Structure formats: structure tokens, C-alpha cells
Amino acid sequence: MPPILANLFWGLRYGALFALAFGVGIGLALLIQGAGAFASYHPSILELLLGGIGLWILGGLVVGLARPLARSSFGYLVLAALGGVFVASAVLIVVSGLSYFSVGTALLWGFLLGQRVWIARRSF
């Protein structure tokens, strides 16, 4: 299998795994708290699916495609920040919905999350 396909499948596998975990978390919140679990946030079912499932899978594919960057320390920082942007975007869409989604906020939180992952990796 060519390395690019192996990286895409790696990203798809982890993206789907995180999407499943995120979906289970949303499902448990709905089961425990009922229909009012996300009432104050006003996301629709489509926004929950897009933010909770779609972005995780898309993020996994993009990170898998960029996975060769992780060979260098700076490349790993870029890759972690890229993954962080997808994580922040998914959380922001679930919390605030698409109508209040801000790309700038997602980029800021994504970079901060990616930097934190990079720092944690370097401390080992």
C-alpha cells in the first residue's frame, strides 16, 4: 500500500474513533439530561452531526495526510495545531452552533491546544 493511502487510513481510523467517542458523549448527555441537555446552546441535530462526527472524520483525514510532517519537531507542532483546529471547531459547533461559529476563535484555540500537545510530547 502506498504511504499516502496508509496515512489516510490511519487518519480515518483515528478520526472515526474520536467521532465515535464524541458521539457517545453527546448521546450520554442526552440520555442523562434529556432533551434539555443542549437547549441553552441551541444546536440542531444537523449541527451536532456535522460538528460531532463530520469534523472529527475530516480532521482525521487531513491530519493523516499531513502525518509525514511529524518527523521533525516543528512539523509535529504544525500537525498538532492542525489537529487542534479541528477539535476546537467541533467543540465550538456543538456548543454554539453554526450561527455563532468563529473561524478566528477556532484557529486560536486550535493553535493553543496543538501547542499544549507539542509541549506534552517534548516533556517525555
Protein backbone atom coordinates (compact mmCIF):
# COMPACT_ATOMS: atom_id res chain seq x y z
CA MET A 1 0.00 0.00 0.00
CA PRO A 2 1.41 3.43 -0.87
CA PRO A 3 2.40 5.54 2.15
CA ILE A 4 -0.15 8.26 1.35
CA LEU A 5 -3.00 5.73 1.48
CA ALA A 6 -1.63 4.21 4.69
CA ASN A 7 -1.56 7.70 6.25
CA LEU A 8 -5.10 8.46 5.06
CA PHE A 9 -6.39 5.19 6.52
CA TRP A 10 -4.52 5.91 9.77
CA GLY A 11 -6.18 9.34 9.93
CA LEU A 12 -9.59 7.91 9.05
CA ARG A 13 -9.27 5.27 11.76
CA TYR A 14 -8.39 7.77 14.46
CA GLY A 15 -10.87 10.36 13.19
CA ALA A 16 -13.66 7.77 13.28
CA LEU A 17 -12.58 6.62 16.75
CA PHE A 18 -12.71 10.18 18.12
CA ALA A 19 -16.00 10.80 16.30
CA LEU A 20 -17.44 7.70 17.95
CA ALA A 21 -16.23 8.82 21.38
CA PHE A 22 -17.61 12.31 20.82
CA GLY A 23 -20.93 10.86 19.63
CA VAL A 24 -21.14 8.58 22.67
CA GLY A 25 -20.50 11.60 24.91
CA ILE A 26 -23.29 13.56 23.23
CA GLY A 27 -25.59 10.53 23.41
CA LEU A 28 -24.89 10.01 27.12
CA ALA A 29 -25.55 13.68 27.82
CA LEU A 30 -28.89 13.38 26.03
CA LEU A 31 -29.77 10.17 27.90
CA ILE A 32 -28.84 11.54 31.31
CA GLN A 33 -30.16 15.08 30.96
CA GLY A 34 -32.90 14.54 28.42
CA ALA A 35 -33.85 16.84 25.56
CA GLY A 36 -32.74 19.90 27.52
CA ALA A 37 -29.08 18.83 27.55
CA PHE A 38 -28.19 21.21 24.76
CA ALA A 39 -31.22 23.50 24.95
CA SER A 40 -29.27 26.51 26.15
CA TYR A 41 -26.78 26.11 23.27
CA HIS A 42 -29.42 25.78 20.51
CA PRO A 43 -27.57 23.41 18.16
CA SER A 44 -29.68 21.46 15.69
CA ILE A 45 -29.28 17.74 15.06
CA LEU A 46 -27.50 18.59 11.80
CA GLU A 47 -25.04 20.81 13.67
CA LEU A 48 -24.41 18.08 16.24
CA LEU A 49 -23.75 15.57 13.48
CA LEU A 50 -21.59 17.97 11.48
CA GLY A 51 -19.65 19.22 14.47
CA GLY A 52 -19.51 15.97 16.36
CA ILE A 53 -18.97 13.46 13.61
CA GLY A 54 -18.09 15.12 10.32
CA LEU A 55 -15.32 17.38 11.56
CA TRP A 56 -13.65 14.57 13.50
CA ILE A 57 -13.52 12.36 10.41
CA LEU A 58 -12.43 15.22 8.14
CA GLY A 59 -9.83 16.26 10.70
CA GLY A 60 -8.52 12.70 10.92
CA LEU A 61 -8.14 12.54 7.14
CA VAL A 62 -6.33 15.90 6.98
CA VAL A 63 -4.04 15.03 9.88
CA GLY A 64 -3.38 11.61 8.34
CA LEU A 65 -2.48 13.24 5.04
CA ALA A 66 -0.09 15.63 6.82
CA ARG A 67 1.31 12.88 9.08
CA PRO A 68 4.78 12.85 7.44
CA LEU A 69 5.32 16.33 8.92
CA ALA A 70 5.59 14.71 12.37
CA ARG A 71 9.13 13.58 11.62
CA SER A 72 10.52 16.93 12.77
CA SER A 73 9.77 18.82 15.96
CA PHE A 74 8.41 21.87 14.12
CA GLY A 75 6.40 19.64 11.80
CA TYR A 76 4.87 17.92 14.82
CA LEU A 77 3.87 21.35 16.18
CA VAL A 78 2.20 22.20 12.86
CA LEU A 79 0.44 18.83 12.78
CA ALA A 80 -0.74 19.16 16.40
CA ALA A 81 -2.02 22.69 15.76
CA LEU A 82 -3.82 21.49 12.63
CA GLY A 83 -5.49 18.71 14.59
CA GLY A 84 -6.28 21.16 17.37
CA VAL A 85 -8.16 23.40 14.93
CA PHE A 86 -10.49 20.52 14.04
CA VAL A 87 -11.01 19.63 17.70
CA ALA A 88 -11.76 23.25 18.61
CA SER A 89 -14.08 23.62 15.61
CA ALA A 90 -16.07 20.51 16.54
CA VAL A 91 -16.46 21.63 20.14
CA LEU A 92 -17.40 25.19 19.16
CA ILE A 93 -20.05 23.98 16.70
CA VAL A 94 -21.59 21.66 19.28
CA VAL A 95 -21.55 24.36 21.97
CA SER A 96 -22.61 27.40 19.95
CA GLY A 97 -23.97 26.04 16.68
CA LEU A 98 -23.01 27.17 13.20
CA SER A 99 -24.69 30.56 13.56
CA TYR A 100 -22.18 31.69 16.21
CA PHE A 101 -19.16 29.78 14.91
CA SER A 102 -16.00 31.88 14.58
CA VAL A 103 -13.08 30.76 12.46
CA GLY A 104 -10.73 33.05 14.39
CA THR A 105 -11.74 31.52 17.70
CA ALA A 106 -11.31 28.00 16.31
CA LEU A 107 -7.86 28.88 14.97
CA LEU A 108 -6.80 30.46 18.26
CA TRP A 109 -8.00 27.58 20.44
CA GLY A 110 -6.71 25.05 17.93
CA PHE A 111 -3.23 26.53 17.95
CA LEU A 112 -3.20 26.71 21.76
CA LEU A 113 -4.35 23.09 22.02
CA GLY A 114 -1.79 21.99 19.44
CA GLN A 115 0.98 23.83 21.25
CA ARG A 116 -0.03 22.13 24.51
CA VAL A 117 0.10 18.70 22.83
CA TRP A 118 3.52 19.59 21.39
CA ILE A 119 4.83 20.67 24.81
CA ALA A 120 3.49 17.50 26.43
CA ARG A 121 5.18 15.38 23.76
CA ARG A 122 8.52 17.11 24.27
CA SER A 123 8.46 16.55 28.04
CA PHE A 124 8.68 12.74 27.66
